[in-house]
Amino acid sequence: MDIMIKPSYKNYSRTTIRAENTQADITRELARYGIHMVQHTQTDKVFSVAFQVEVQEQKRPLTVRIDVPYQREKDAEDNFGWQLQRIKYRALFYYTKSLLIAWDDGLKTFAEIFLPHIVLPGGRTVAQDLMPKYTMAIESGVMEDIKLLPE
């Protein structure tokens, strides 16, 4: 089996759009879909956009959080702000926009498209909860019941 190769295209490497402007772009894009409860957060090792949304196929509002790994100590500042942060924010903007377009065009339900980013009770996303369990199952060759929520 061939191993997938991750190309290094360096998308958005020349962007001069500041991170805070891209945050505003993300917020505006979400607002186009009626999503107004939006939060942008940054910590030492990650920045994220989170939002709450009500969709027809779910009885309760969903909280979605897309985390992006980022370490400021590995970044360089120039006239337009922090370079890696700008690049990652542009990628986040287009990633979020593409997920919304996929939902809008009916490819899948909102929950199916945003599943890895849906926040579970306790604050972890589905991906954060499921990936370690999935990795253990793949490495061991044994697939046990994976529980996302306590019984």
C-alpha atoms as a PDB file:
ATOM      1  CA  MET A   1       0.000   0.000   0.000  1.00  0.00           C
ATOM      2  CA  ASP A   2       1.329   3.431  -0.921  1.00  0.00           C
ATOM      3  CA  ILE A   3       1.607   5.993   1.845  1.00  0.00           C
ATOM      4  CA  MET A   4      -0.200   9.247   1.199  1.00  0.00           C
ATOM      5  CA  ILE A   5       2.180  12.122   0.614  1.00  0.00           C
ATOM      6  CA  LYS A   6       1.472  15.451   2.272  1.00  0.00           C
ATOM      7  CA  PRO A   7       2.482  18.125  -0.232  1.00  0.00           C
ATOM      8  CA  SER A   8       3.979  21.322   1.065  1.00  0.00           C
ATOM      9  CA  TYR A   9       2.249  23.891  -1.095  1.00  0.00           C
ATOM     10  CA  LYS A  10       2.691  26.785   1.357  1.00  0.00           C
ATOM     11  CA  ASN A  11      -0.814  28.066   0.681  1.00  0.00           C
ATOM     12  CA  TYR A  12      -1.442  31.670   1.721  1.00  0.00           C
ATOM     13  CA  SER A  13       2.279  32.150   2.457  1.00  0.00           C
ATOM     14  CA  ARG A  14       2.167  35.614   0.912  1.00  0.00           C
ATOM     15  CA  THR A  15      -1.020  36.783   2.566  1.00  0.00           C
ATOM     16  CA  THR A  16      -0.941  40.252   4.068  1.00  0.00           C
ATOM     17  CA  ILE A  17      -4.391  39.891   5.617  1.00  0.00           C
ATOM     18  CA  ARG A  18      -4.012  40.290   9.365  1.00  0.00           C
ATOM     19  CA  ALA A  19      -5.342  37.535  11.654  1.00  0.00           C
ATOM     20  CA  GLU A  20      -7.926  39.834  13.220  1.00  0.00           C
ATOM     21  CA  ASN A  21      -9.264  40.703   9.752  1.00  0.00           C
ATOM     22  CA  THR A  22      -9.611  37.006   8.954  1.00  0.00           C
ATOM     23  CA  GLN A  23     -11.402  36.502  12.273  1.00  0.00           C
ATOM     24  CA  ALA A  24     -13.883  39.125  11.083  1.00  0.00           C
ATOM     25  CA  ASP A  25     -14.166  37.316   7.722  1.00  0.00           C
ATOM     26  CA  ILE A  26     -14.963  34.050   9.514  1.00  0.00           C
ATOM     27  CA  THR A  27     -17.561  35.761  11.699  1.00  0.00           C
ATOM     28  CA  ARG A  28     -19.186  37.381   8.628  1.00  0.00           C
ATOM     29  CA  GLU A  29     -19.233  34.064   6.761  1.00  0.00           C
ATOM     30  CA  LEU A  30     -20.912  32.327   9.704  1.00  0.00           C
ATOM     31  CA  ALA A  31     -23.429  35.191   9.934  1.00  0.00           C
ATOM     32  CA  ARG A  32     -24.425  34.550   6.300  1.00  0.00           C
ATOM     33  CA  TYR A  33     -25.765  31.209   7.574  1.00  0.00           C
ATOM     34  CA  GLY A  34     -27.536  32.729  10.581  1.00  0.00           C
ATOM     35  CA  ILE A  35     -24.762  31.810  13.025  1.00  0.00           C
ATOM     36  CA  HIS A  36     -24.246  34.753  15.359  1.00  0.00           C
ATOM     37  CA  MET A  37     -22.941  33.187  18.574  1.00  0.00           C
ATOM     38  CA  VAL A  38     -19.244  33.114  17.606  1.00  0.00           C
ATOM     39  CA  GLN A  39     -16.122  33.121  19.777  1.00  0.00           C
ATOM     40  CA  HIS A  40     -12.462  33.410  18.750  1.00  0.00           C
ATOM     41  CA  THR A  41      -9.926  32.207  21.339  1.00  0.00           C
ATOM     42  CA  GLN A  42      -6.155  31.915  21.527  1.00  0.00           C
ATOM     43  CA  THR A  43      -3.967  30.113  24.057  1.00  0.00           C
ATOM     44  CA  ASP A  44      -0.270  29.203  24.155  1.00  0.00           C
ATOM     45  CA  LYS A  45      -0.620  26.221  21.824  1.00  0.00           C
ATOM     46  CA  VAL A  46      -3.854  26.695  19.895  1.00  0.00           C
ATOM     47  CA  PHE A  47      -6.290  29.195  18.515  1.00  0.00           C
ATOM     48  CA  SER A  48      -9.871  28.350  17.731  1.00  0.00           C
ATOM     49  CA  VAL A  49     -13.201  29.505  16.466  1.00  0.00           C
ATOM     50  CA  ALA A  50     -16.272  28.234  18.273  1.00  0.00           C
ATOM     51  CA  PHE A  51     -19.916  28.784  17.530  1.00  0.00           C
ATOM     52  CA  GLN A  52     -23.327  27.570  18.528  1.00  0.00           C
ATOM     53  CA  VAL A  53     -25.827  26.628  15.864  1.00  0.00           C
ATOM     54  CA  GLU A  54     -29.379  25.382  15.648  1.00  0.00           C
ATOM     55  CA  VAL A  55     -30.072  23.084  12.702  1.00  0.00           C
ATOM     56  CA  GLN A  56     -33.290  21.365  11.684  1.00  0.00           C
ATOM     57  CA  GLU A  57     -31.906  17.836  11.983  1.00  0.00           C
ATOM     58  CA  GLN A  58     -30.926  18.300  15.667  1.00  0.00           C
ATOM     59  CA  LYS A  59     -33.276  18.899  18.602  1.00  0.00           C
ATOM     60  CA  ARG A  60     -30.735  20.926  20.590  1.00  0.00           C
ATOM     61  CA  PRO A  61     -28.213  23.547  19.564  1.00  0.00           C
ATOM     62  CA  LEU A  62     -24.787  22.200  18.629  1.00  0.00           C
ATOM     63  CA  THR A  63     -21.568  23.776  19.812  1.00  0.00           C
ATOM     64  CA  VAL A  64     -18.788  23.542  17.257  1.00  0.00           C
ATOM     65  CA  ARG A  65     -15.120  24.336  17.915  1.00  0.00           C
ATOM     66  CA  ILE A  66     -12.372  24.173  15.337  1.00  0.00           C
ATOM     67  CA  ASP A  67      -8.965  24.145  17.026  1.00  0.00           C
ATOM     68  CA  VAL A  68      -5.812  25.063  15.121  1.00  0.00           C
ATOM     69  CA  PRO A  69      -2.391  24.202  16.570  1.00  0.00           C
ATOM     70  CA  TYR A  70      -0.242  27.330  16.820  1.00  0.00           C
ATOM     71  CA  GLN A  71       2.876  28.239  18.783  1.00  0.00           C
ATOM     72  CA  ARG A  72       3.726  31.911  18.762  1.00  0.00           C
ATOM     73  CA  GLU A  73       7.361  31.237  19.797  1.00  0.00           C
ATOM     74  CA  LYS A  74       7.854  29.547  16.407  1.00  0.00           C
ATOM     75  CA  ASP A  75       6.344  32.471  14.500  1.00  0.00           C
ATOM     76  CA  ALA A  76       7.869  35.665  13.127  1.00  0.00           C
ATOM     77  CA  GLU A  77       6.282  39.103  13.247  1.00  0.00           C
ATOM     78  CA  ASP A  78       6.403  41.517  10.324  1.00  0.00           C
ATOM     79  CA  ASN A  79       4.497  44.632   9.220  1.00  0.00           C
ATOM     80  CA  PHE A  80       1.286  42.613   8.886  1.00  0.00           C
ATOM     81  CA  GLY A  81       1.425  40.761  12.207  1.00  0.00           C
ATOM     82  CA  TRP A  82       2.438  37.179  12.938  1.00  0.00           C
ATOM     83  CA  GLN A  83       3.140  35.382   9.657  1.00  0.00           C
ATOM     84  CA  LEU A  84       2.249  31.748  10.531  1.00  0.00           C
ATOM     85  CA  GLN A  85      -0.826  32.907  12.378  1.00  0.00           C
ATOM     86  CA  ARG A  86      -2.005  34.836   9.279  1.00  0.00           C
ATOM     87  CA  ILE A  87      -1.440  31.779   7.088  1.00  0.00           C
ATOM     88  CA  LYS A  88      -3.281  29.428   9.447  1.00  0.00           C
ATOM     89  CA  TYR A  89      -6.177  31.861   9.865  1.00  0.00           C
ATOM     90  CA  ARG A  90      -6.626  32.108   6.079  1.00  0.00           C
ATOM     91  CA  ALA A  91      -6.644  28.308   5.858  1.00  0.00           C
ATOM     92  CA  LEU A  92      -9.174  28.193   8.727  1.00  0.00           C
ATOM     93  CA  PHE A  93     -11.390  30.715   6.932  1.00  0.00           C
ATOM     94  CA  TYR A  94     -11.477  28.709   3.710  1.00  0.00           C
ATOM     95  CA  TYR A  95     -11.829  25.415   5.600  1.00  0.00           C
ATOM     96  CA  THR A  96     -14.841  26.729   7.507  1.00  0.00           C
ATOM     97  CA  LYS A  97     -16.310  28.236   4.351  1.00  0.00           C
ATOM     98  CA  SER A  98     -15.895  24.952   2.442  1.00  0.00           C
ATOM     99  CA  LEU A  99     -17.650  22.990   5.196  1.00  0.00           C
ATOM    100  CA  LEU A 100     -20.563  25.439   5.156  1.00  0.00           C
ATOM    101  CA  ILE A 101     -20.799  25.235   1.363  1.00  0.00           C
ATOM    102  CA  ALA A 102     -20.812  21.419   1.503  1.00  0.00           C
ATOM    103  CA  TRP A 103     -23.716  21.570   3.969  1.00  0.00           C
ATOM    104  CA  ASP A 104     -25.541  24.253   1.981  1.00  0.00           C
ATOM    105  CA  ASP A 105     -25.219  22.194  -1.218  1.00  0.00           C
ATOM    106  CA  GLY A 106     -26.635  19.115   0.521  1.00  0.00           C
ATOM    107  CA  LEU A 107     -23.581  16.851   0.455  1.00  0.00           C
ATOM    108  CA  LYS A 108     -24.238  15.723   4.042  1.00  0.00           C
ATOM    109  CA  THR A 109     -26.098  16.924   7.124  1.00  0.00           C
ATOM    110  CA  PHE A 110     -24.556  19.672   9.204  1.00  0.00           C
ATOM    111  CA  ALA A 111     -23.707  17.216  11.995  1.00  0.00           C
ATOM    112  CA  GLU A 112     -22.041  14.786   9.568  1.00  0.00           C
ATOM    113  CA  ILE A 113     -19.876  17.526   8.078  1.00  0.00           C
ATOM    114  CA  PHE A 114     -18.889  19.179  11.360  1.00  0.00           C
ATOM    115  CA  LEU A 115     -18.774  15.949  13.413  1.00  0.00           C
ATOM    116  CA  PRO A 116     -15.065  16.077  14.364  1.00  0.00           C
ATOM    117  CA  HIS A 117     -15.563  19.603  15.701  1.00  0.00           C
ATOM    118  CA  ILE A 118     -18.786  19.118  17.672  1.00  0.00           C
ATOM    119  CA  VAL A 119     -18.172  19.763  21.364  1.00  0.00           C
ATOM    120  CA  LEU A 120     -19.202  16.988  23.743  1.00  0.00           C
ATOM    121  CA  PRO A 121     -20.293  17.447  27.356  1.00  0.00           C
ATOM    122  CA  GLY A 122     -17.063  18.127  29.234  1.00  0.00           C
ATOM    123  CA  GLY A 123     -15.593  20.371  26.531  1.00  0.00           C
ATOM    124  CA  ARG A 124     -13.715  17.931  24.293  1.00  0.00           C
ATOM    125  CA  THR A 125     -14.546  17.679  20.608  1.00  0.00           C
ATOM    126  CA  VAL A 126     -15.613  14.405  19.018  1.00  0.00           C
ATOM    127  CA  ALA A 127     -12.195  14.177  17.318  1.00  0.00           C
ATOM    128  CA  GLN A 128     -10.317  14.800  20.575  1.00  0.00           C
ATOM    129  CA  ASP A 129     -12.335  12.067  22.261  1.00  0.00           C
ATOM    130  CA  LEU A 130     -12.424   9.550  19.430  1.00  0.00           C
ATOM    131  CA  MET A 131      -8.956   9.724  17.841  1.00  0.00           C
ATOM    132  CA  PRO A 132      -7.011   8.119  20.736  1.00  0.00           C
ATOM    133  CA  LYS A 133      -9.578   5.289  20.871  1.00  0.00           C
ATOM    134  CA  TYR A 134      -9.418   4.852  17.098  1.00  0.00           C
ATOM    135  CA  THR A 135      -5.605   4.779  17.138  1.00  0.00           C
ATOM    136  CA  MET A 136      -5.602   2.114  19.870  1.00  0.00           C
ATOM    137  CA  ALA A 137      -8.088   0.008  17.889  1.00  0.00           C
ATOM    138  CA  ILE A 138      -6.013   0.247  14.703  1.00  0.00           C
ATOM    139  CA  GLU A 139      -2.753  -0.583  16.501  1.00  0.00           C
ATOM    140  CA  SER A 140      -4.237  -3.490  18.459  1.00  0.00           C
ATOM    141  CA  GLY A 141      -6.402  -4.818  15.651  1.00  0.00           C
ATOM    142  CA  VAL A 142      -9.279  -5.107  18.117  1.00  0.00           C
ATOM    143  CA  MET A 143     -12.375  -2.972  17.708  1.00  0.00           C
ATOM    144  CA  GLU A 144     -14.268  -2.716  20.946  1.00  0.00           C
ATOM    145  CA  ASP A 145     -17.346  -0.595  21.547  1.00  0.00           C
ATOM    146  CA  ILE A 146     -16.337   3.041  21.461  1.00  0.00           C
ATOM    147  CA  LYS A 147     -18.483   5.136  23.748  1.00  0.00           C
ATOM    148  CA  LEU A 148     -18.606   8.876  23.263  1.00  0.00           C
ATOM    149  CA  LEU A 149     -21.013   9.545  26.088  1.00  0.00           C
ATOM    150  CA  PRO A 150     -21.338   7.906  29.502  1.00  0.00           C
ATOM    151  CA  GLU A 151     -24.293   5.561  29.959  1.00  0.00           C
END
